[in-house]
Amino acid sequence: LVESGGGLVQPGGSLRLSCAASGRTFSRYAMAWFRQS
């Protein structure tokens, strides 16, 4: 898995993160986002 799209944004703004996955069975996987401070 490779994430992209992060950055600096002002309060009230928007961002879109992407996660590109390898493997031919991607559609069968549960996928999620977590965060850590």
All heavy atoms as atom14 arrays in JSON, in Angstrom:
{
  "sequence": "LVESGGGLVQPGGSLRLSCAASGRTFSRYAMAWFRQS",
  "atom14_mask": [
    [1, 1, 1, 1, 1, 1, 1, 1, 0, 0, 0, 0, 0, 0],
    [1, 1, 1, 1, 1, 1, 1, 0, 0, 0, 0, 0, 0, 0],
    [1, 1, 1, 1, 1, 1, 1, 1, 1, 0, 0, 0, 0, 0],
    [1, 1, 1, 1, 1, 1, 0, 0, 0, 0, 0, 0, 0, 0],
    [1, 1, 1, 1, 0, 0, 0, 0, 0, 0, 0, 0, 0, 0],
    [1, 1, 1, 1, 0, 0, 0, 0, 0, 0, 0, 0, 0, 0],
    [1, 1, 1, 1, 0, 0, 0, 0, 0, 0, 0, 0, 0, 0],
    [1, 1, 1, 1, 1, 1, 1, 1, 0, 0, 0, 0, 0, 0],
    [1, 1, 1, 1, 1, 1, 1, 0, 0, 0, 0, 0, 0, 0],
    [1, 1, 1, 1, 1, 1, 1, 1, 1, 0, 0, 0, 0, 0],
    [1, 1, 1, 1, 1, 1, 1, 0, 0, 0, 0, 0, 0, 0],
    [1, 1, 1, 1, 0, 0, 0, 0, 0, 0, 0, 0, 0, 0],
    [1, 1, 1, 1, 0, 0, 0, 0, 0, 0, 0, 0, 0, 0],
    [1, 1, 1, 1, 1, 1, 0, 0, 0, 0, 0, 0, 0, 0],
    [1, 1, 1, 1, 1, 1, 1, 1, 0, 0, 0, 0, 0, 0],
    [1, 1, 1, 1, 1, 1, 1, 1, 1, 1, 1, 0, 0, 0],
    [1, 1, 1, 1, 1, 1, 1, 1, 0, 0, 0, 0, 0, 0],
    [1, 1, 1, 1, 1, 1, 0, 0, 0, 0, 0, 0, 0, 0],
    [1, 1, 1, 1, 1, 1, 0, 0, 0, 0, 0, 0, 0, 0],
    [1, 1, 1, 1, 1, 0, 0, 0, 0, 0, 0, 0, 0, 0],
    [1, 1, 1, 1, 1, 0, 0, 0, 0, 0, 0, 0, 0, 0],
    [1, 1, 1, 1, 1, 1, 0, 0, 0, 0, 0, 0, 0, 0],
    [1, 1, 1, 1, 0, 0, 0, 0, 0, 0, 0, 0, 0, 0],
    [1, 1, 1, 1, 1, 1, 1, 1, 1, 1, 1, 0, 0, 0],
    [1, 1, 1, 1, 1, 1, 1, 0, 0, 0, 0, 0, 0, 0],
    [1, 1, 1, 1, 1, 1, 1, 1, 1, 1, 1, 0, 0, 0],
    [1, 1, 1, 1, 1, 1, 0, 0, 0, 0, 0, 0, 0, 0],
    [1, 1, 1, 1, 1, 1, 1, 1, 1, 1, 1, 0, 0, 0],
    [1, 1, 1, 1, 1, 1, 1, 1, 1, 1, 1, 1, 0, 0],
    [1, 1, 1, 1, 1, 0, 0, 0, 0, 0, 0, 0, 0, 0],
    [1, 1, 1, 1, 1, 1, 1, 1, 0, 0, 0, 0, 0, 0],
    [1, 1, 1, 1, 1, 0, 0, 0, 0, 0, 0, 0, 0, 0],
    [1, 1, 1, 1, 1, 1, 1, 1, 1, 1, 1, 1, 1, 1],
    [1, 1, 1, 1, 1, 1, 1, 1, 1, 1, 1, 0, 0, 0],
    [1, 1, 1, 1, 1, 1, 1, 1, 1, 1, 1, 0, 0, 0],
    [1, 1, 1, 1, 1, 1, 1, 1, 1, 0, 0, 0, 0, 0],
    [1, 1, 1, 1, 1, 1, 0, 0, 0, 0, 0, 0, 0, 0]
  ],
  "atom14_positions": [
    [[0.83, -1.19, 0.0], [0.0, 0.0, 0.0], [0.87, 1.25, 0.0], [1.84, 1.33, 0.76], [-0.9, 0.01, 1.24], [-1.77, -1.23, 1.45], [-2.45, -1.18, 2.82], [-2.8, -1.36, 0.36], [0.0, 0.0, 0.0], [0.0, 0.0, 0.0], [0.0, 0.0, 0.0], [0.0, 0.0, 0.0], [0.0, 0.0, 0.0], [0.0, 0.0, 0.0]],
    [[0.51, 2.21, -0.82], [1.26, 3.47, -0.91], [0.27, 4.64, -0.85], [-0.56, 4.8, -1.75], [2.09, 3.55, -2.19], [2.83, 4.89, -2.25], [3.07, 2.39, -2.28], [0.0, 0.0, 0.0], [0.0, 0.0, 0.0], [0.0, 0.0, 0.0], [0.0, 0.0, 0.0], [0.0, 0.0, 0.0], [0.0, 0.0, 0.0], [0.0, 0.0, 0.0]],
    [[0.4, 5.44, 0.21], [-0.47, 6.6, 0.38], [0.13, 7.83, -0.28], [1.34, 7.96, -0.42], [-0.7, 6.92, 1.86], [-1.28, 5.8, 2.69], [-0.24, 5.03, 3.45], [0.93, 4.99, 2.99], [-0.56, 4.46, 4.51], [0.0, 0.0, 0.0], [0.0, 0.0, 0.0], [0.0, 0.0, 0.0], [0.0, 0.0, 0.0], [0.0, 0.0, 0.0]],
    [[-0.75, 8.76, -0.65], [-0.32, 10.05, -1.17], [-1.44, 11.07, -0.94], [-2.56, 10.7, -0.6], [0.01, 9.96, -2.66], [-1.13, 9.57, -3.39], [0.0, 0.0, 0.0], [0.0, 0.0, 0.0], [0.0, 0.0, 0.0], [0.0, 0.0, 0.0], [0.0, 0.0, 0.0], [0.0, 0.0, 0.0], [0.0, 0.0, 0.0], [0.0, 0.0, 0.0]],
    [[-1.1, 12.35, -1.11], [-2.12, 13.39, -1.03], [-2.11, 14.22, 0.24], [-2.89, 15.16, 0.36], [0.0, 0.0, 0.0], [0.0, 0.0, 0.0], [0.0, 0.0, 0.0], [0.0, 0.0, 0.0], [0.0, 0.0, 0.0], [0.0, 0.0, 0.0], [0.0, 0.0, 0.0], [0.0, 0.0, 0.0], [0.0, 0.0, 0.0], [0.0, 0.0, 0.0]],
    [[-1.24, 13.87, 1.18], [-1.18, 14.67, 2.39], [-0.55, 16.03, 2.14], [-0.04, 16.31, 1.06], [0.0, 0.0, 0.0], [0.0, 0.0, 0.0], [0.0, 0.0, 0.0], [0.0, 0.0, 0.0], [0.0, 0.0, 0.0], [0.0, 0.0, 0.0], [0.0, 0.0, 0.0], [0.0, 0.0, 0.0], [0.0, 0.0, 0.0], [0.0, 0.0, 0.0]],
    [[-0.62, 16.88, 3.17], [-0.03, 18.2, 3.04], [-0.52, 19.14, 4.11], [-1.14, 18.72, 5.09], [0.0, 0.0, 0.0], [0.0, 0.0, 0.0], [0.0, 0.0, 0.0], [0.0, 0.0, 0.0], [0.0, 0.0, 0.0], [0.0, 0.0, 0.0], [0.0, 0.0, 0.0], [0.0, 0.0, 0.0], [0.0, 0.0, 0.0], [0.0, 0.0, 0.0]],
    [[-0.26, 20.42, 3.89], [-0.67, 21.48, 4.81], [-1.93, 22.16, 4.26], [-1.96, 22.54, 3.08], [0.45, 22.5, 4.96], [0.14, 23.77, 5.76], [-0.16, 23.42, 7.22], [1.31, 24.74, 5.66], [0.0, 0.0, 0.0], [0.0, 0.0, 0.0], [0.0, 0.0, 0.0], [0.0, 0.0, 0.0], [0.0, 0.0, 0.0], [0.0, 0.0, 0.0]],
    [[-2.93, 22.3, 5.11], [-4.18, 22.93, 4.69], [-4.7, 23.8, 5.83], [-4.46, 23.49, 7.0], [-5.21, 21.86, 4.27], [-5.58, 20.96, 5.43], [-6.45, 22.48, 3.65], [0.0, 0.0, 0.0], [0.0, 0.0, 0.0], [0.0, 0.0, 0.0], [0.0, 0.0, 0.0], [0.0, 0.0, 0.0], [0.0, 0.0, 0.0], [0.0, 0.0, 0.0]],
    [[-5.4, 24.85, 5.49], [-5.96, 25.74, 6.51], [-7.24, 25.13, 7.09], [-7.92, 24.34, 6.42], [-6.28, 27.1, 5.91], [-5.05, 27.9, 5.51], [-5.39, 29.3, 5.07], [-6.54, 29.61, 4.73], [-4.39, 30.18, 5.06], [0.0, 0.0, 0.0], [0.0, 0.0, 0.0], [0.0, 0.0, 0.0], [0.0, 0.0, 0.0], [0.0, 0.0, 0.0]],
    [[-7.57, 25.49, 8.31], [-8.84, 25.02, 8.89], [-10.02, 25.36, 7.98], [-10.08, 26.47, 7.42], [-8.92, 25.78, 10.21], [-7.49, 26.03, 10.58], [-6.78, 26.28, 9.28], [0.0, 0.0, 0.0], [0.0, 0.0, 0.0], [0.0, 0.0, 0.0], [0.0, 0.0, 0.0], [0.0, 0.0, 0.0], [0.0, 0.0, 0.0], [0.0, 0.0, 0.0]],
    [[-10.92, 24.39, 7.82], [-12.05, 24.55, 6.93], [-11.78, 24.09, 5.52], [-12.71, 24.0, 4.7], [0.0, 0.0, 0.0], [0.0, 0.0, 0.0], [0.0, 0.0, 0.0], [0.0, 0.0, 0.0], [0.0, 0.0, 0.0], [0.0, 0.0, 0.0], [0.0, 0.0, 0.0], [0.0, 0.0, 0.0], [0.0, 0.0, 0.0], [0.0, 0.0, 0.0]],
    [[-10.54, 23.79, 5.21], [-10.17, 23.36, 3.87], [-10.41, 21.88, 3.64], [-10.95, 21.17, 4.5], [0.0, 0.0, 0.0], [0.0, 0.0, 0.0], [0.0, 0.0, 0.0], [0.0, 0.0, 0.0], [0.0, 0.0, 0.0], [0.0, 0.0, 0.0], [0.0, 0.0, 0.0], [0.0, 0.0, 0.0], [0.0, 0.0, 0.0], [0.0, 0.0, 0.0]],
    [[-9.99, 21.42, 2.46], [-10.2, 20.03, 2.05], [-8.91, 19.42, 1.52], [-8.04, 20.13, 0.99], [-11.27, 19.96, 0.95], [-12.52, 20.44, 1.4], [0.0, 0.0, 0.0], [0.0, 0.0, 0.0], [0.0, 0.0, 0.0], [0.0, 0.0, 0.0], [0.0, 0.0, 0.0], [0.0, 0.0, 0.0], [0.0, 0.0, 0.0], [0.0, 0.0, 0.0]],
    [[-8.84, 18.11, 1.65], [-7.76, 17.31, 1.05], [-8.35, 15.98, 0.63], [-9.32, 15.51, 1.23], [-6.63, 17.05, 2.05], [-5.54, 18.09, 2.28], [-4.59, 17.6, 3.37], [-4.8, 18.41, 1.01], [0.0, 0.0, 0.0], [0.0, 0.0, 0.0], [0.0, 0.0, 0.0], [0.0, 0.0, 0.0], [0.0, 0.0, 0.0], [0.0, 0.0, 0.0]],
    [[-7.74, 15.37, -0.37], [-8.11, 14.02, -0.74], [-6.86, 13.14, -0.71], [-5.9, 13.39, -1.43], [-8.74, 13.94, -2.13], [-9.32, 12.55, -2.42], [-10.03, 12.44, -3.74], [-9.11, 12.28, -4.87], [-9.42, 11.72, -6.01], [-10.66, 11.26, -6.21], [-8.54, 11.62, -6.99], [0.0, 0.0, 0.0], [0.0, 0.0, 0.0], [0.0, 0.0, 0.0]],
    [[-6.92, 12.12, 0.14], [-5.84, 11.15, 0.23], [-6.12, 9.98, -0.7], [-7.28, 9.6, -0.88], [-5.7, 10.64, 1.67], [-5.5, 11.68, 2.75], [-5.31, 10.99, 4.11], [-4.34, 12.6, 2.45], [0.0, 0.0, 0.0], [0.0, 0.0, 0.0], [0.0, 0.0, 0.0], [0.0, 0.0, 0.0], [0.0, 0.0, 0.0], [0.0, 0.0, 0.0]],
    [[-5.05, 9.42, -1.23], [-5.15, 8.23, -2.07], [-4.29, 7.12, -1.51], [-3.27, 7.39, -0.87], [-4.69, 8.54, -3.51], [-5.47, 9.56, -4.09], [0.0, 0.0, 0.0], [0.0, 0.0, 0.0], [0.0, 0.0, 0.0], [0.0, 0.0, 0.0], [0.0, 0.0, 0.0], [0.0, 0.0, 0.0], [0.0, 0.0, 0.0], [0.0, 0.0, 0.0]],
    [[-4.71, 5.9, -1.75], [-3.92, 4.72, -1.34], [-3.96, 3.74, -2.5], [-5.0, 3.16, -2.79], [-4.5, 4.11, -0.08], [-3.73, 2.54, 0.38], [0.0, 0.0, 0.0], [0.0, 0.0, 0.0], [0.0, 0.0, 0.0], [0.0, 0.0, 0.0], [0.0, 0.0, 0.0], [0.0, 0.0, 0.0], [0.0, 0.0, 0.0], [0.0, 0.0, 0.0]],
    [[-2.8, 3.56, -3.14], [-2.68, 2.64, -4.25], [-2.22, 1.28, -3.73], [-1.25, 1.21, -2.97], [-1.7, 3.18, -5.27], [0.0, 0.0, 0.0], [0.0, 0.0, 0.0], [0.0, 0.0, 0.0], [0.0, 0.0, 0.0], [0.0, 0.0, 0.0], [0.0, 0.0, 0.0], [0.0, 0.0, 0.0], [0.0, 0.0, 0.0], [0.0, 0.0, 0.0]],
    [[-2.91, 0.24, -4.14], [-2.62, -1.1, -3.66], [-2.14, -1.99, -4.79], [-2.61, -1.9, -5.92], [-3.86, -1.72, -3.04], [0.0, 0.0, 0.0], [0.0, 0.0, 0.0], [0.0, 0.0, 0.0], [0.0, 0.0, 0.0], [0.0, 0.0, 0.0], [0.0, 0.0, 0.0], [0.0, 0.0, 0.0], [0.0, 0.0, 0.0], [0.0, 0.0, 0.0]],
    [[-1.18, -2.86, -4.48], [-0.74, -3.87, -5.44], [-1.6, -5.12, -5.25], [-2.29, -5.27, -4.25], [0.73, -4.2, -5.21], [0.89, -4.8, -3.93], [0.0, 0.0, 0.0], [0.0, 0.0, 0.0], [0.0, 0.0, 0.0], [0.0, 0.0, 0.0], [0.0, 0.0, 0.0], [0.0, 0.0, 0.0], [0.0, 0.0, 0.0], [0.0, 0.0, 0.0]],
    [[-1.52, -6.02, -6.19], [-2.23, -7.29, -6.02], [-3.5, -7.37, -6.83], [-4.22, -6.39, -6.98], [0.0, 0.0, 0.0], [0.0, 0.0, 0.0], [0.0, 0.0, 0.0], [0.0, 0.0, 0.0], [0.0, 0.0, 0.0], [0.0, 0.0, 0.0], [0.0, 0.0, 0.0], [0.0, 0.0, 0.0], [0.0, 0.0, 0.0], [0.0, 0.0, 0.0]],
    [[-3.78, -8.55, -7.36], [-4.93, -8.74, -8.24], [-6.22, -8.97, -7.48], [-7.28, -8.97, -8.07], [-4.67, -9.93, -9.16], [-3.56, -9.66, -10.17], [-3.3, -10.88, -11.03], [-2.72, -11.97, -10.26], [-2.42, -13.15, -10.75], [-2.7, -13.43, -12.01], [-1.87, -14.08, -9.99], [0.0, 0.0, 0.0], [0.0, 0.0, 0.0], [0.0, 0.0, 0.0]],
    [[-6.14, -9.17, -6.15], [-7.34, -9.47, -5.38], [-7.78, -8.28, -4.54], [-8.49, -8.44, -3.55], [-7.11, -10.68, -4.47], [-6.0, -10.41, -3.61], [-6.84, -11.92, -5.29], [0.0, 0.0, 0.0], [0.0, 0.0, 0.0], [0.0, 0.0, 0.0], [0.0, 0.0, 0.0], [0.0, 0.0, 0.0], [0.0, 0.0, 0.0], [0.0, 0.0, 0.0]],
    [[-7.38, -7.09, -4.93], [-7.69, -5.88, -4.16], [-9.17, -5.76, -3.86], [-9.56, -5.37, -2.76], [-7.22, -4.66, -4.95], [-7.73, -3.35, -4.43], [-7.13, -2.76, -3.33], [-8.8, -2.72, -5.03], [-7.6, -1.55, -2.84], [-9.27, -1.51, -4.56], [-8.67, -0.92, -3.45], [0.0, 0.0, 0.0], [0.0, 0.0, 0.0], [0.0, 0.0, 0.0]],
    [[-10.01, -6.08, -4.83], [-11.45, -5.89, -4.66], [-12.03, -6.75, -3.54], [-13.13, -6.48, -3.05], [-12.17, -6.18, -5.97], [-12.0, -7.53, -6.34], [0.0, 0.0, 0.0], [0.0, 0.0, 0.0], [0.0, 0.0, 0.0], [0.0, 0.0, 0.0], [0.0, 0.0, 0.0], [0.0, 0.0, 0.0], [0.0, 0.0, 0.0], [0.0, 0.0, 0.0]],
    [[-11.31, -7.77, -3.12], [-11.8, -8.67, -2.08], [-11.4, -8.23, -0.67], [-11.8, -8.86, 0.3], [-11.28, -10.08, -2.32], [-11.64, -10.66, -3.68], [-11.01, -12.02, -3.86], [-11.2, -12.53, -5.21], [-10.65, -13.66, -5.66], [-9.91, -14.4, -4.84], [-10.86, -14.05, -6.89], [0.0, 0.0, 0.0], [0.0, 0.0, 0.0], [0.0, 0.0, 0.0]],
    [[-10.6, -7.18, -0.57], [-10.06, -6.77, 0.71], [-10.91, -5.7, 1.38], [-11.43, -4.79, 0.73], [-8.64, -6.23, 0.54], [-7.59, -7.31, 0.42], [-7.49, -8.08, -0.73], [-6.7, -7.55, 1.45], [-6.54, -9.07, -0.85], [-5.73, -8.53, 1.35], [-5.66, -9.29, 0.19], [-4.72, -10.27, 0.08], [0.0, 0.0, 0.0], [0.0, 0.0, 0.0]],
    [[-11.03, -5.82, 2.7], [-11.51, -4.7, 3.5], [-10.4, -3.66, 3.55], [-9.24, -4.0, 3.74], [-11.85, -5.16, 4.91], [0.0, 0.0, 0.0], [0.0, 0.0, 0.0], [0.0, 0.0, 0.0], [0.0, 0.0, 0.0], [0.0, 0.0, 0.0], [0.0, 0.0, 0.0], [0.0, 0.0, 0.0], [0.0, 0.0, 0.0], [0.0, 0.0, 0.0]],
    [[-10.76, -2.38, 3.37], [-9.78, -1.31, 3.33], [-10.17, -0.24, 4.33], [-11.36, -0.01, 4.59], [-9.73, -0.69, 1.93], [-9.4, -1.65, 0.81], [-7.73, -2.32, 0.91], [-6.76, -0.83, 0.72], [0.0, 0.0, 0.0], [0.0, 0.0, 0.0], [0.0, 0.0, 0.0], [0.0, 0.0, 0.0], [0.0, 0.0, 0.0], [0.0, 0.0, 0.0]],
    [[-9.16, 0.43, 4.87], [-9.46, 1.42, 5.92], [-8.39, 2.51, 5.96], [-7.31, 2.36, 5.41], [-9.53, 0.73, 7.27], [0.0, 0.0, 0.0], [0.0, 0.0, 0.0], [0.0, 0.0, 0.0], [0.0, 0.0, 0.0], [0.0, 0.0, 0.0], [0.0, 0.0, 0.0], [0.0, 0.0, 0.0], [0.0, 0.0, 0.0], [0.0, 0.0, 0.0]],
    [[-8.76, 3.58, 6.64], [-7.84, 4.65, 6.98], [-7.78, 4.78, 8.5], [-8.82, 4.75, 9.17], [-8.3, 5.98, 6.39], [-8.16, 6.07, 4.9], [-9.13, 5.83, 3.97], [-6.99, 6.44, 4.16], [-8.64, 6.0, 2.7], [-7.33, 6.39, 2.79], [-5.7, 6.8, 4.53], [-6.41, 6.69, 1.78], [-4.79, 7.1, 3.52], [-5.15, 7.05, 2.17]],
    [[-6.56, 4.92, 9.01], [-6.32, 5.22, 10.42], [-5.45, 6.47, 10.48], [-4.86, 6.88, 9.48], [-5.6, 4.05, 11.09], [-6.46, 2.83, 11.31], [-6.75, 1.96, 10.26], [-7.01, 2.57, 12.56], [-7.55, 0.85, 10.46], [-7.81, 1.46, 12.77], [-8.07, 0.6, 11.7], [0.0, 0.0, 0.0], [0.0, 0.0, 0.0], [0.0, 0.0, 0.0]],
    [[-5.37, 7.05, 11.65], [-4.48, 8.19, 11.83], [-3.83, 8.14, 13.19], [-4.39, 7.56, 14.14], [-5.23, 9.51, 11.64], [-6.32, 9.8, 12.67], [-7.1, 11.05, 12.27], [-8.14, 11.39, 13.23], [-9.03, 12.36, 13.05], [-9.02, 13.08, 11.94], [-9.94, 12.61, 13.99], [0.0, 0.0, 0.0], [0.0, 0.0, 0.0], [0.0, 0.0, 0.0]],
    [[-2.67, 8.77, 13.27], [-1.91, 8.74, 14.51], [-1.21, 10.07, 14.71], [-0.48, 10.54, 13.82], [-0.89, 7.6, 14.5], [-0.2, 7.37, 15.82], [0.57, 6.06, 15.83], [0.92, 5.52, 14.79], [0.82, 5.54, 17.02], [0.0, 0.0, 0.0], [0.0, 0.0, 0.0], [0.0, 0.0, 0.0], [0.0, 0.0, 0.0], [0.0, 0.0, 0.0]],
    [[-1.42, 10.66, 15.88], [-0.73, 11.88, 16.26], [0.4, 11.52, 17.22], [0.35, 10.47, 17.86], [-1.7, 12.84, 16.96], [-2.79, 13.15, 16.11], [0.0, 0.0, 0.0], [0.0, 0.0, 0.0], [0.0, 0.0, 0.0], [0.0, 0.0, 0.0], [0.0, 0.0, 0.0], [0.0, 0.0, 0.0], [0.0, 0.0, 0.0], [0.0, 0.0, 0.0]]
  ]
}
